Amino acid sequence: KLGQRYEKLRTLIHNSFPIRWYCLESTFIVVTDMTPAQVRDLCSP
């Protein structure tokens, strides 16, 4: 979306996954017990 702000998604990821890697724009690696589908569903809103 034009003018999209990444803060909403980044904040959700930061708050949901205390152990995370964020060394590239638009990419995180997180440590979790969730499946990829569960992570997708968490991020979707």
All heavy atoms as atom14 arrays in JSON, in Angstrom:
{
  "sequence": "KLGQRYEKLRTLIHNSFPIRWYCLESTFIVVTDMTPAQVRDLCSP",
  "atom14_mask": [
    [1, 1, 1, 1, 1, 1, 1, 1, 1, 0, 0, 0, 0, 0],
    [1, 1, 1, 1, 1, 1, 1, 1, 0, 0, 0, 0, 0, 0],
    [1, 1, 1, 1, 0, 0, 0, 0, 0, 0, 0, 0, 0, 0],
    [1, 1, 1, 1, 1, 1, 1, 1, 1, 0, 0, 0, 0, 0],
    [1, 1, 1, 1, 1, 1, 1, 1, 1, 1, 1, 0, 0, 0],
    [1, 1, 1, 1, 1, 1, 1, 1, 1, 1, 1, 1, 0, 0],
    [1, 1, 1, 1, 1, 1, 1, 1, 1, 0, 0, 0, 0, 0],
    [1, 1, 1, 1, 1, 1, 1, 1, 1, 0, 0, 0, 0, 0],
    [1, 1, 1, 1, 1, 1, 1, 1, 0, 0, 0, 0, 0, 0],
    [1, 1, 1, 1, 1, 1, 1, 1, 1, 1, 1, 0, 0, 0],
    [1, 1, 1, 1, 1, 1, 1, 0, 0, 0, 0, 0, 0, 0],
    [1, 1, 1, 1, 1, 1, 1, 1, 0, 0, 0, 0, 0, 0],
    [1, 1, 1, 1, 1, 1, 1, 1, 0, 0, 0, 0, 0, 0],
    [1, 1, 1, 1, 1, 1, 1, 1, 1, 1, 0, 0, 0, 0],
    [1, 1, 1, 1, 1, 1, 1, 1, 0, 0, 0, 0, 0, 0],
    [1, 1, 1, 1, 1, 1, 0, 0, 0, 0, 0, 0, 0, 0],
    [1, 1, 1, 1, 1, 1, 1, 1, 1, 1, 1, 0, 0, 0],
    [1, 1, 1, 1, 1, 1, 1, 0, 0, 0, 0, 0, 0, 0],
    [1, 1, 1, 1, 1, 1, 1, 1, 0, 0, 0, 0, 0, 0],
    [1, 1, 1, 1, 1, 1, 1, 1, 1, 1, 1, 0, 0, 0],
    [1, 1, 1, 1, 1, 1, 1, 1, 1, 1, 1, 1, 1, 1],
    [1, 1, 1, 1, 1, 1, 1, 1, 1, 1, 1, 1, 0, 0],
    [1, 1, 1, 1, 1, 1, 0, 0, 0, 0, 0, 0, 0, 0],
    [1, 1, 1, 1, 1, 1, 1, 1, 0, 0, 0, 0, 0, 0],
    [1, 1, 1, 1, 1, 1, 1, 1, 1, 0, 0, 0, 0, 0],
    [1, 1, 1, 1, 1, 1, 0, 0, 0, 0, 0, 0, 0, 0],
    [1, 1, 1, 1, 1, 1, 1, 0, 0, 0, 0, 0, 0, 0],
    [1, 1, 1, 1, 1, 1, 1, 1, 1, 1, 1, 0, 0, 0],
    [1, 1, 1, 1, 1, 1, 1, 1, 0, 0, 0, 0, 0, 0],
    [1, 1, 1, 1, 1, 1, 1, 0, 0, 0, 0, 0, 0, 0],
    [1, 1, 1, 1, 1, 1, 1, 0, 0, 0, 0, 0, 0, 0],
    [1, 1, 1, 1, 1, 1, 1, 0, 0, 0, 0, 0, 0, 0],
    [1, 1, 1, 1, 1, 1, 1, 1, 0, 0, 0, 0, 0, 0],
    [1, 1, 1, 1, 1, 1, 1, 1, 0, 0, 0, 0, 0, 0],
    [1, 1, 1, 1, 1, 1, 1, 0, 0, 0, 0, 0, 0, 0],
    [1, 1, 1, 1, 1, 1, 1, 0, 0, 0, 0, 0, 0, 0],
    [1, 1, 1, 1, 1, 0, 0, 0, 0, 0, 0, 0, 0, 0],
    [1, 1, 1, 1, 1, 1, 1, 1, 1, 0, 0, 0, 0, 0],
    [1, 1, 1, 1, 1, 1, 1, 0, 0, 0, 0, 0, 0, 0],
    [1, 1, 1, 1, 1, 1, 1, 1, 1, 1, 1, 0, 0, 0],
    [1, 1, 1, 1, 1, 1, 1, 1, 0, 0, 0, 0, 0, 0],
    [1, 1, 1, 1, 1, 1, 1, 1, 0, 0, 0, 0, 0, 0],
    [1, 1, 1, 1, 1, 1, 0, 0, 0, 0, 0, 0, 0, 0],
    [1, 1, 1, 1, 1, 1, 0, 0, 0, 0, 0, 0, 0, 0],
    [1, 1, 1, 1, 1, 1, 1, 0, 0, 0, 0, 0, 0, 0]
  ],
  "atom14_positions": [
    [[0.84, -1.19, 0.0], [0.0, 0.0, 0.0], [0.88, 1.25, 0.0], [1.85, 1.34, 0.76], [-0.91, 0.0, 1.22], [-1.89, 1.15, 1.27], [-2.79, 1.02, 2.48], [-3.75, 2.17, 2.56], [-4.58, 2.1, 3.77], [0.0, 0.0, 0.0], [0.0, 0.0, 0.0], [0.0, 0.0, 0.0], [0.0, 0.0, 0.0], [0.0, 0.0, 0.0]],
    [[0.57, 2.2, -0.84], [1.33, 3.44, -0.92], [1.4, 4.08, 0.46], [0.38, 4.24, 1.13], [0.68, 4.4, -1.91], [1.43, 5.69, -2.2], [2.82, 5.39, -2.78], [0.64, 6.56, -3.14], [0.0, 0.0, 0.0], [0.0, 0.0, 0.0], [0.0, 0.0, 0.0], [0.0, 0.0, 0.0], [0.0, 0.0, 0.0], [0.0, 0.0, 0.0]],
    [[2.6, 4.4, 0.9], [2.77, 5.01, 2.21], [2.63, 4.03, 3.36], [2.47, 4.43, 4.51], [0.0, 0.0, 0.0], [0.0, 0.0, 0.0], [0.0, 0.0, 0.0], [0.0, 0.0, 0.0], [0.0, 0.0, 0.0], [0.0, 0.0, 0.0], [0.0, 0.0, 0.0], [0.0, 0.0, 0.0], [0.0, 0.0, 0.0], [0.0, 0.0, 0.0]],
    [[2.69, 2.74, 3.08], [2.52, 1.71, 4.12], [3.52, 1.92, 5.24], [4.69, 2.18, 5.0], [2.7, 0.32, 3.51], [2.53, -0.82, 4.49], [1.1, -0.97, 4.96], [0.19, -0.98, 4.18], [0.92, -1.09, 6.26], [0.0, 0.0, 0.0], [0.0, 0.0, 0.0], [0.0, 0.0, 0.0], [0.0, 0.0, 0.0], [0.0, 0.0, 0.0]],
    [[3.05, 1.79, 6.44], [3.93, 1.91, 7.61], [4.18, 0.52, 8.16], [3.26, -0.22, 8.43], [3.28, 2.81, 8.64], [3.05, 4.21, 8.06], [2.65, 5.16, 9.07], [3.74, 5.23, 10.04], [3.75, 6.06, 11.06], [2.77, 6.88, 11.24], [4.75, 6.07, 11.91], [0.0, 0.0, 0.0], [0.0, 0.0, 0.0], [0.0, 0.0, 0.0]],
    [[5.43, 0.2, 8.31], [5.84, -1.12, 8.77], [5.75, -1.28, 10.28], [5.85, -2.39, 10.78], [7.27, -1.39, 8.32], [7.42, -1.63, 6.84], [7.39, -0.59, 5.94], [7.59, -2.92, 6.35], [7.53, -0.81, 4.58], [7.73, -3.15, 5.0], [7.69, -2.1, 4.12], [7.82, -2.33, 2.77], [0.0, 0.0, 0.0], [0.0, 0.0, 0.0]],
    [[5.55, -0.2, 11.01], [5.62, -0.26, 12.47], [4.61, -1.24, 13.07], [4.91, -1.91, 14.05], [5.42, 1.13, 13.08], [6.62, 2.03, 12.91], [6.64, 2.71, 11.54], [5.59, 2.75, 10.86], [7.72, 3.18, 11.14], [0.0, 0.0, 0.0], [0.0, 0.0, 0.0], [0.0, 0.0, 0.0], [0.0, 0.0, 0.0], [0.0, 0.0, 0.0]],
    [[3.4, -1.3, 12.52], [2.37, -2.18, 13.08], [2.83, -3.64, 13.06], [2.75, -4.33, 14.07], [1.06, -2.02, 12.31], [-0.1, -2.79, 12.9], [-1.39, -2.49, 12.15], [-2.55, -3.24, 12.74], [-3.8, -2.98, 12.0], [0.0, 0.0, 0.0], [0.0, 0.0, 0.0], [0.0, 0.0, 0.0], [0.0, 0.0, 0.0], [0.0, 0.0, 0.0]],
    [[3.34, -4.11, 11.93], [3.8, -5.49, 11.83], [5.07, -5.7, 12.67], [5.18, -6.69, 13.39], [4.04, -5.88, 10.38], [4.52, -7.3, 10.14], [3.53, -8.33, 10.7], [4.75, -7.55, 8.66], [0.0, 0.0, 0.0], [0.0, 0.0, 0.0], [0.0, 0.0, 0.0], [0.0, 0.0, 0.0], [0.0, 0.0, 0.0], [0.0, 0.0, 0.0]],
    [[6.0, -4.78, 12.59], [7.24, -4.92, 13.36], [6.97, -4.94, 14.86], [7.56, -5.73, 15.59], [8.21, -3.79, 13.01], [8.79, -3.94, 11.63], [9.7, -2.8, 11.3], [10.17, -2.91, 9.93], [10.61, -1.91, 9.21], [10.67, -0.69, 9.72], [11.01, -2.08, 7.98], [0.0, 0.0, 0.0], [0.0, 0.0, 0.0], [0.0, 0.0, 0.0]],
    [[6.06, -4.09, 15.32], [5.71, -4.08, 16.74], [5.07, -5.39, 17.14], [5.38, -5.95, 18.2], [4.76, -2.9, 17.04], [5.45, -1.69, 16.75], [4.33, -2.9, 18.5], [0.0, 0.0, 0.0], [0.0, 0.0, 0.0], [0.0, 0.0, 0.0], [0.0, 0.0, 0.0], [0.0, 0.0, 0.0], [0.0, 0.0, 0.0], [0.0, 0.0, 0.0]],
    [[4.18, -5.92, 16.31], [3.55, -7.21, 16.6], [4.61, -8.3, 16.73], [4.58, -9.1, 17.67], [2.55, -7.56, 15.49], [1.75, -8.82, 15.71], [0.34, -8.65, 15.15], [2.4, -10.02, 15.05], [0.0, 0.0, 0.0], [0.0, 0.0, 0.0], [0.0, 0.0, 0.0], [0.0, 0.0, 0.0], [0.0, 0.0, 0.0], [0.0, 0.0, 0.0]],
    [[5.57, -8.34, 15.82], [6.63, -9.35, 15.85], [7.5, -9.15, 17.09], [7.79, -10.11, 17.81], [7.46, -9.32, 14.55], [6.59, -9.79, 13.37], [8.71, -10.2, 14.69], [7.21, -9.56, 12.01], [0.0, 0.0, 0.0], [0.0, 0.0, 0.0], [0.0, 0.0, 0.0], [0.0, 0.0, 0.0], [0.0, 0.0, 0.0], [0.0, 0.0, 0.0]],
    [[7.9, -7.92, 17.38], [8.72, -7.64, 18.57], [8.01, -8.06, 19.85], [8.63, -8.62, 20.75], [9.08, -6.15, 18.64], [10.25, -5.78, 17.8], [11.54, -5.78, 18.27], [10.33, -5.39, 16.51], [12.36, -5.42, 17.31], [11.65, -5.17, 16.23], [0.0, 0.0, 0.0], [0.0, 0.0, 0.0], [0.0, 0.0, 0.0], [0.0, 0.0, 0.0]],
    [[6.72, -7.78, 19.94], [5.97, -8.11, 21.16], [5.66, -9.6, 21.28], [5.49, -10.1, 22.39], [4.67, -7.31, 21.21], [4.92, -5.83, 21.43], [5.97, -5.43, 21.91], [3.95, -5.02, 21.06], [0.0, 0.0, 0.0], [0.0, 0.0, 0.0], [0.0, 0.0, 0.0], [0.0, 0.0, 0.0], [0.0, 0.0, 0.0], [0.0, 0.0, 0.0]],
    [[5.6, -10.31, 20.17], [5.22, -11.72, 20.18], [6.41, -12.67, 20.3], [6.24, -13.81, 20.75], [4.45, -12.06, 18.9], [3.28, -11.28, 18.8], [0.0, 0.0, 0.0], [0.0, 0.0, 0.0], [0.0, 0.0, 0.0], [0.0, 0.0, 0.0], [0.0, 0.0, 0.0], [0.0, 0.0, 0.0], [0.0, 0.0, 0.0], [0.0, 0.0, 0.0]],
    [[7.59, -12.23, 19.87], [8.75, -13.11, 19.81], [9.96, -12.44, 20.47], [10.69, -11.69, 19.81], [9.06, -13.47, 18.35], [7.9, -14.07, 17.62], [7.17, -13.32, 16.72], [7.52, -15.38, 17.86], [6.1, -13.86, 16.04], [6.45, -15.94, 17.19], [5.72, -15.18, 16.28], [0.0, 0.0, 0.0], [0.0, 0.0, 0.0], [0.0, 0.0, 0.0]],
    [[10.19, -12.7, 21.75], [11.31, -12.06, 22.44], [12.68, -12.43, 21.87], [13.61, -11.63, 21.94], [11.18, -12.54, 23.88], [9.88, -13.24, 24.0], [9.39, -13.52, 22.62], [0.0, 0.0, 0.0], [0.0, 0.0, 0.0], [0.0, 0.0, 0.0], [0.0, 0.0, 0.0], [0.0, 0.0, 0.0], [0.0, 0.0, 0.0], [0.0, 0.0, 0.0]],
    [[12.8, -13.62, 21.32], [14.08, -14.04, 20.73], [13.92, -13.91, 19.22], [13.21, -14.69, 18.58], [14.44, -15.49, 21.13], [14.49, -15.62, 22.65], [15.78, -15.88, 20.51], [14.67, -17.04, 23.13], [0.0, 0.0, 0.0], [0.0, 0.0, 0.0], [0.0, 0.0, 0.0], [0.0, 0.0, 0.0], [0.0, 0.0, 0.0], [0.0, 0.0, 0.0]],
    [[14.56, -12.9, 18.65], [14.37, -12.62, 17.23], [15.65, -12.05, 16.62], [16.47, -11.45, 17.3], [13.21, -11.66, 17.03], [13.47, -10.31, 17.61], [12.25, -9.42, 17.63], [12.5, -8.26, 18.44], [12.38, -8.2, 19.75], [11.96, -9.26, 20.41], [12.66, -7.11, 20.41], [0.0, 0.0, 0.0], [0.0, 0.0, 0.0], [0.0, 0.0, 0.0]],
    [[15.75, -12.23, 15.33], [16.86, -11.73, 14.51], [16.25, -10.74, 13.53], [15.27, -11.04, 12.86], [17.47, -12.92, 13.79], [18.62, -12.69, 12.87], [19.94, -12.84, 13.19], [18.58, -12.4, 11.46], [20.72, -12.62, 12.08], [19.91, -12.35, 11.0], [17.56, -12.16, 10.55], [20.23, -12.08, 9.68], [17.88, -11.88, 9.24], [19.2, -11.85, 8.81]],
    [[16.83, -9.54, 13.46], [16.32, -8.51, 12.56], [17.51, -7.77, 11.98], [17.87, -6.68, 12.41], [15.38, -7.57, 13.32], [14.76, -6.49, 12.45], [13.98, -6.82, 11.36], [14.96, -5.15, 12.74], [13.41, -5.84, 10.56], [14.4, -4.16, 11.96], [13.63, -4.51, 10.87], [13.06, -3.53, 10.09], [0.0, 0.0, 0.0], [0.0, 0.0, 0.0]],
    [[18.17, -8.42, 11.02], [19.37, -7.85, 10.42], [19.14, -7.43, 8.97], [20.04, -6.85, 8.36], [20.52, -8.84, 10.5], [21.09, -9.14, 12.2], [0.0, 0.0, 0.0], [0.0, 0.0, 0.0], [0.0, 0.0, 0.0], [0.0, 0.0, 0.0], [0.0, 0.0, 0.0], [0.0, 0.0, 0.0], [0.0, 0.0, 0.0], [0.0, 0.0, 0.0]],
    [[17.99, -7.72, 8.41], [17.64, -7.32, 7.05], [16.28, -6.64, 7.06], [15.38, -7.05, 7.81], [17.56, -8.54, 6.11], [18.83, -9.32, 5.87], [18.51, -10.61, 5.1], [19.81, -8.48, 5.06], [0.0, 0.0, 0.0], [0.0, 0.0, 0.0], [0.0, 0.0, 0.0], [0.0, 0.0, 0.0], [0.0, 0.0, 0.0], [0.0, 0.0, 0.0]],
    [[16.11, -5.61, 6.24], [14.8, -4.97, 6.12], [13.77, -6.0, 5.68], [14.05, -6.84, 4.83], [14.84, -3.86, 5.08], [15.45, -2.58, 5.56], [14.63, -1.9, 6.65], [13.4, -1.81, 6.54], [15.27, -1.46, 7.62], [0.0, 0.0, 0.0], [0.0, 0.0, 0.0], [0.0, 0.0, 0.0], [0.0, 0.0, 0.0], [0.0, 0.0, 0.0]],
    [[12.62, -5.96, 6.27], [11.48, -6.8, 5.9], [11.7, -8.29, 6.15], [11.05, -9.12, 5.54], [11.08, -6.58, 4.43], [10.78, -5.23, 4.2], [0.0, 0.0, 0.0], [0.0, 0.0, 0.0], [0.0, 0.0, 0.0], [0.0, 0.0, 0.0], [0.0, 0.0, 0.0], [0.0, 0.0, 0.0], [0.0, 0.0, 0.0], [0.0, 0.0, 0.0]],
    [[12.66, -8.63, 7.02], [12.93, -10.04, 7.32], [13.23, -10.19, 8.81], [14.07, -9.47, 9.34], [14.13, -10.56, 6.51], [13.88, -10.36, 5.12], [14.36, -12.04, 6.76], [0.0, 0.0, 0.0], [0.0, 0.0, 0.0], [0.0, 0.0, 0.0], [0.0, 0.0, 0.0], [0.0, 0.0, 0.0], [0.0, 0.0, 0.0], [0.0, 0.0, 0.0]],
    [[12.56, -11.12, 9.43], [12.83, -11.51, 10.81], [13.08, -13.01, 10.83], [12.53, -13.75, 10.01], [11.62, -11.25, 11.72], [11.44, -9.83, 12.14], [10.73, -8.94, 11.35], [11.96, -9.38, 13.34], [10.54, -7.63, 11.75], [11.77, -8.07, 13.75], [11.06, -7.2, 12.95], [0.0, 0.0, 0.0], [0.0, 0.0, 0.0], [0.0, 0.0, 0.0]],
    [[13.86, -13.47, 11.79], [13.9, -14.88, 12.16], [13.57, -14.9, 13.64], [14.13, -14.13, 14.42], [15.27, -15.52, 11.89], [15.6, -15.44, 10.39], [15.28, -16.97, 12.36], [17.01, -15.9, 10.04], [0.0, 0.0, 0.0], [0.0, 0.0, 0.0], [0.0, 0.0, 0.0], [0.0, 0.0, 0.0], [0.0, 0.0, 0.0], [0.0, 0.0, 0.0]],
    [[12.62, -15.76, 14.02], [12.17, -15.81, 15.4], [12.3, -17.22, 15.94], [12.27, -18.2, 15.2], [10.71, -15.31, 15.54], [10.6, -13.87, 15.05], [9.74, -16.21, 14.79], [0.0, 0.0, 0.0], [0.0, 0.0, 0.0], [0.0, 0.0, 0.0], [0.0, 0.0, 0.0], [0.0, 0.0, 0.0], [0.0, 0.0, 0.0], [0.0, 0.0, 0.0]],
    [[12.46, -17.31, 17.25], [12.46, -18.59, 17.94], [11.08, -18.75, 18.55], [10.59, -17.86, 19.26], [13.56, -18.64, 19.02], [13.49, -19.94, 19.81], [14.94, -18.47, 18.38], [0.0, 0.0, 0.0], [0.0, 0.0, 0.0], [0.0, 0.0, 0.0], [0.0, 0.0, 0.0], [0.0, 0.0, 0.0], [0.0, 0.0, 0.0], [0.0, 0.0, 0.0]],
    [[10.42, -19.88, 18.26], [9.04, -20.05, 18.67], [8.66, -21.53, 18.71], [9.32, -22.36, 18.11], [8.09, -19.3, 17.71], [6.75, -19.43, 18.17], [8.2, -19.82, 16.29], [0.0, 0.0, 0.0], [0.0, 0.0, 0.0], [0.0, 0.0, 0.0], [0.0, 0.0, 0.0], [0.0, 0.0, 0.0], [0.0, 0.0, 0.0], [0.0, 0.0, 0.0]],
    [[7.57, -21.81, 19.4], [6.94, -23.13, 19.34], [5.82, -23.16, 18.31], [5.21, -24.21, 18.09], [6.37, -23.52, 20.72], [7.46, -23.96, 21.68], [8.45, -24.56, 21.23], [7.32, -23.7, 22.88], [0.0, 0.0, 0.0], [0.0, 0.0, 0.0], [0.0, 0.0, 0.0], [0.0, 0.0, 0.0], [0.0, 0.0, 0.0], [0.0, 0.0, 0.0]],
    [[5.52, -22.02, 17.71], [4.44, -21.94, 16.73], [4.84, -22.55, 15.4], [6.02, -22.54, 15.04], [4.03, -20.47, 16.52], [3.51, -19.8, 17.77], [3.25, -18.01, 17.55], [1.76, -18.04, 16.58], [0.0, 0.0, 0.0], [0.0, 0.0, 0.0], [0.0, 0.0, 0.0], [0.0, 0.0, 0.0], [0.0, 0.0, 0.0], [0.0, 0.0, 0.0]],
    [[3.86, -23.04, 14.66], [4.1, -23.5, 13.29], [4.15, -22.3, 12.36], [3.66, -21.21, 12.72], [2.97, -24.43, 12.82], [1.76, -23.65, 12.71], [2.76, -25.61, 13.77], [0.0, 0.0, 0.0], [0.0, 0.0, 0.0], [0.0, 0.0, 0.0], [0.0, 0.0, 0.0], [0.0, 0.0, 0.0], [0.0, 0.0, 0.0], [0.0, 0.0, 0.0]],
    [[4.7, -22.46, 11.15], [4.66, -21.35, 10.21], [3.23, -20.85, 9.95], [3.01, -19.64, 9.85], [5.29, -21.94, 8.95], [6.29, -22.92, 9.48], [5.56, -23.56, 10.65], [0.0, 0.0, 0.0], [0.0, 0.0, 0.0], [0.0, 0.0, 0.0], [0.0, 0.0, 0.0], [0.0, 0.0, 0.0], [0.0, 0.0, 0.0], [0.0, 0.0, 0.0]],
    [[2.26, -21.74, 9.88], [0.87, -21.32, 9.66], [0.36, -20.49, 10.84], [-0.37, -19.51, 10.64], [-0.02, -22.54, 9.42], [0.0, 0.0, 0.0], [0.0, 0.0, 0.0], [0.0, 0.0, 0.0], [0.0, 0.0, 0.0], [0.0, 0.0, 0.0], [0.0, 0.0, 0.0], [0.0, 0.0, 0.0], [0.0, 0.0, 0.0], [0.0, 0.0, 0.0]],
    [[0.72, -20.85, 12.05], [0.3, -20.07, 13.22], [0.95, -18.69, 13.23], [0.31, -17.71, 13.6], [0.64, -20.83, 14.5], [-0.21, -22.06, 14.72], [0.29, -22.92, 15.87], [1.5, -23.1, 16.05], [-0.64, -23.48, 16.63], [0.0, 0.0, 0.0], [0.0, 0.0, 0.0], [0.0, 0.0, 0.0], [0.0, 0.0, 0.0], [0.0, 0.0, 0.0]],
    [[2.22, -18.61, 12.83], [2.89, -17.33, 12.74], [2.22, -16.47, 11.67], [1.96, -15.28, 11.88], [4.4, -17.5, 12.45], [5.06, -16.15, 12.19], [5.09, -18.22, 13.61], [0.0, 0.0, 0.0], [0.0, 0.0, 0.0], [0.0, 0.0, 0.0], [0.0, 0.0, 0.0], [0.0, 0.0, 0.0], [0.0, 0.0, 0.0], [0.0, 0.0, 0.0]],
    [[1.91, -17.07, 10.52], [1.19, -16.34, 9.46], [-0.12, -15.77, 9.99], [-0.44, -14.6, 9.78], [0.9, -17.28, 8.3], [0.05, -16.65, 7.19], [-0.71, -17.67, 6.38], [-1.58, -18.46, 7.23], [-1.91, -19.73, 6.97], [-1.44, -20.36, 5.91], [-2.73, -20.38, 7.79], [0.0, 0.0, 0.0], [0.0, 0.0, 0.0], [0.0, 0.0, 0.0]],
    [[-0.88, -16.6, 10.69], [-2.18, -16.16, 11.21], [-2.02, -15.04, 12.24], [-2.84, -14.12, 12.3], [-2.94, -17.34, 11.8], [-3.34, -18.37, 10.75], [-3.28, -18.06, 9.53], [-3.7, -19.5, 11.14], [0.0, 0.0, 0.0], [0.0, 0.0, 0.0], [0.0, 0.0, 0.0], [0.0, 0.0, 0.0], [0.0, 0.0, 0.0], [0.0, 0.0, 0.0]],
    [[-0.97, -15.1, 13.04], [-0.7, -14.06, 14.02], [-0.39, -12.73, 13.33], [-0.85, -11.67, 13.76], [0.47, -14.47, 14.92], [0.93, -13.43, 15.94], [-0.09, -13.35, 17.09], [2.3, -13.77, 16.46], [0.0, 0.0, 0.0], [0.0, 0.0, 0.0], [0.0, 0.0, 0.0], [0.0, 0.0, 0.0], [0.0, 0.0, 0.0], [0.0, 0.0, 0.0]],
    [[0.38, -12.78, 12.25], [0.81, -11.57, 11.55], [-0.28, -10.99, 10.64], [-0.27, -9.78, 10.36], [2.05, -11.87, 10.71], [3.52, -12.25, 11.67], [0.0, 0.0, 0.0], [0.0, 0.0, 0.0], [0.0, 0.0, 0.0], [0.0, 0.0, 0.0], [0.0, 0.0, 0.0], [0.0, 0.0, 0.0], [0.0, 0.0, 0.0], [0.0, 0.0, 0.0]],
    [[-1.18, -11.8, 10.18], [-2.16, -11.38, 9.17], [-2.96, -10.14, 9.52], [-3.19, -9.29, 8.66], [-3.09, -12.54, 8.82], [-2.37, -13.52, 8.1], [0.0, 0.0, 0.0], [0.0, 0.0, 0.0], [0.0, 0.0, 0.0], [0.0, 0.0, 0.0], [0.0, 0.0, 0.0], [0.0, 0.0, 0.0], [0.0, 0.0, 0.0], [0.0, 0.0, 0.0]],
    [[-3.41, -9.95, 10.77], [-4.17, -8.73, 11.07], [-3.39, -7.43, 10.87], [-3.99, -6.37, 10.73], [-4.57, -8.91, 12.54], [-4.55, -10.38, 12.76], [-3.42, -10.88, 11.9], [0.0, 0.0, 0.0], [0.0, 0.0, 0.0], [0.0, 0.0, 0.0], [0.0, 0.0, 0.0], [0.0, 0.0, 0.0], [0.0, 0.0, 0.0], [0.0, 0.0, 0.0]]
  ]
}
